[in-house]
C-alpha cells in the first residue's frame, strides 16, 4: 500500500509538471501570435495608407472625380 501511494504521488507530480510545461508553452505561443498580429496590423495600416496615396496620385494624374474608379 505504501509503495502504491509513493508511485501515485510520483505520477501526480509528473502530471503537474507536464501540465505546467504545457501551459508555459501555450502562453509563449500566445505571446508569439500576439506579436505577429500586431506586426500584421501595422503592415495592413501601412498598406492602406500607401493604397490611399496611390489612388490620390492616379486621381490627380487622370483628373477623374473621386466617385468614379
Protein backbone atom coordinates (compact mmCIF):
# COMPACT_ATOMS: atom_id res chain seq x y z
CA UNK A 1 0.00 0.00 0.00
CA UNK A 2 2.84 2.39 0.87
CA UNK A 3 4.58 1.61 -2.43
CA UNK A 4 1.36 2.25 -4.32
CA UNK A 5 0.96 5.59 -2.56
CA UNK A 6 4.57 6.60 -3.47
CA UNK A 7 4.04 5.66 -7.12
CA UNK A 8 0.77 7.57 -7.21
CA UNK A 9 2.41 10.63 -5.62
CA UNK A 10 5.23 10.46 -8.17
CA UNK A 11 2.76 10.10 -11.04
CA UNK A 12 0.79 13.10 -9.75
CA UNK A 13 3.97 15.15 -9.55
CA UNK A 14 4.89 14.20 -13.14
CA UNK A 15 1.40 15.10 -14.30
CA UNK A 16 1.55 18.52 -12.61
CA UNK A 17 4.97 19.18 -14.11
CA UNK A 18 3.79 18.25 -17.60
CA UNK A 19 0.73 20.44 -17.16
CA UNK A 20 2.89 23.42 -16.13
CA UNK A 21 5.19 22.87 -19.11
CA UNK A 22 2.19 22.63 -21.46
CA UNK A 23 0.70 25.84 -20.05
CA UNK A 24 4.03 27.67 -20.33
CA UNK A 25 4.34 26.52 -23.93
CA UNK A 26 0.83 27.75 -24.72
CA UNK A 27 1.48 31.11 -23.06
CA UNK A 28 4.68 31.52 -25.11
CA UNK A 29 2.73 30.70 -28.27
CA UNK A 30 0.07 33.27 -27.34
CA UNK A 31 2.72 35.97 -26.92
CA UNK A 32 4.32 35.00 -30.22
CA UNK A 33 0.96 35.15 -32.02
CA UNK A 34 0.03 38.48 -30.39
CA UNK A 35 3.33 39.93 -31.60
CA UNK A 36 2.64 38.61 -35.11
CA UNK A 37 -0.89 40.05 -35.07
CA UNK A 38 0.50 43.47 -34.10
CA UNK A 39 3.07 43.29 -36.91
CA UNK A 40 0.39 42.35 -39.44
CA UNK A 41 -1.96 45.10 -38.24
CA UNK A 42 0.81 47.66 -38.67
CA UNK A 43 1.61 46.31 -42.13
CA UNK A 44 -2.08 46.45 -43.06
CA UNK A 45 -2.30 50.06 -41.86
CA UNK A 46 0.82 50.97 -43.87
CA UNK A 47 -0.57 49.29 -46.99
CA UNK A 48 -3.92 51.04 -46.63
CA UNK A 49 -2.12 54.36 -46.32
CA UNK A 50 0.01 53.59 -49.37
CA UNK A 51 -3.06 52.48 -51.30
CA UNK A 52 -4.82 55.75 -50.50
CA UNK A 53 -1.75 57.71 -51.53
CA UNK A 54 -1.51 55.83 -54.84
CA UNK A 55 -5.22 56.34 -55.51
CA UNK A 56 -4.67 60.03 -54.87
CA UNK A 57 -1.85 60.06 -57.42
CA UNK A 58 -3.98 58.31 -60.03
CA UNK A 59 -6.91 60.64 -59.45
CA UNK A 60 -4.56 63.61 -59.64
CA UNK A 61 -3.00 62.41 -62.88
CA UNK A 62 -6.20 61.45 -64.67
CA UNK A 63 -8.30 64.23 -63.26
CA UNK A 64 -11.09 61.74 -62.58
CA UNK A 65 -13.64 62.77 -59.96
CA UNK A 66 -13.42 60.95 -56.63
CA UNK A 67 -16.62 58.96 -57.18
CA UNK A 68 -15.55 57.07 -60.31
CA UNK A 69 -12.82 54.44 -60.29
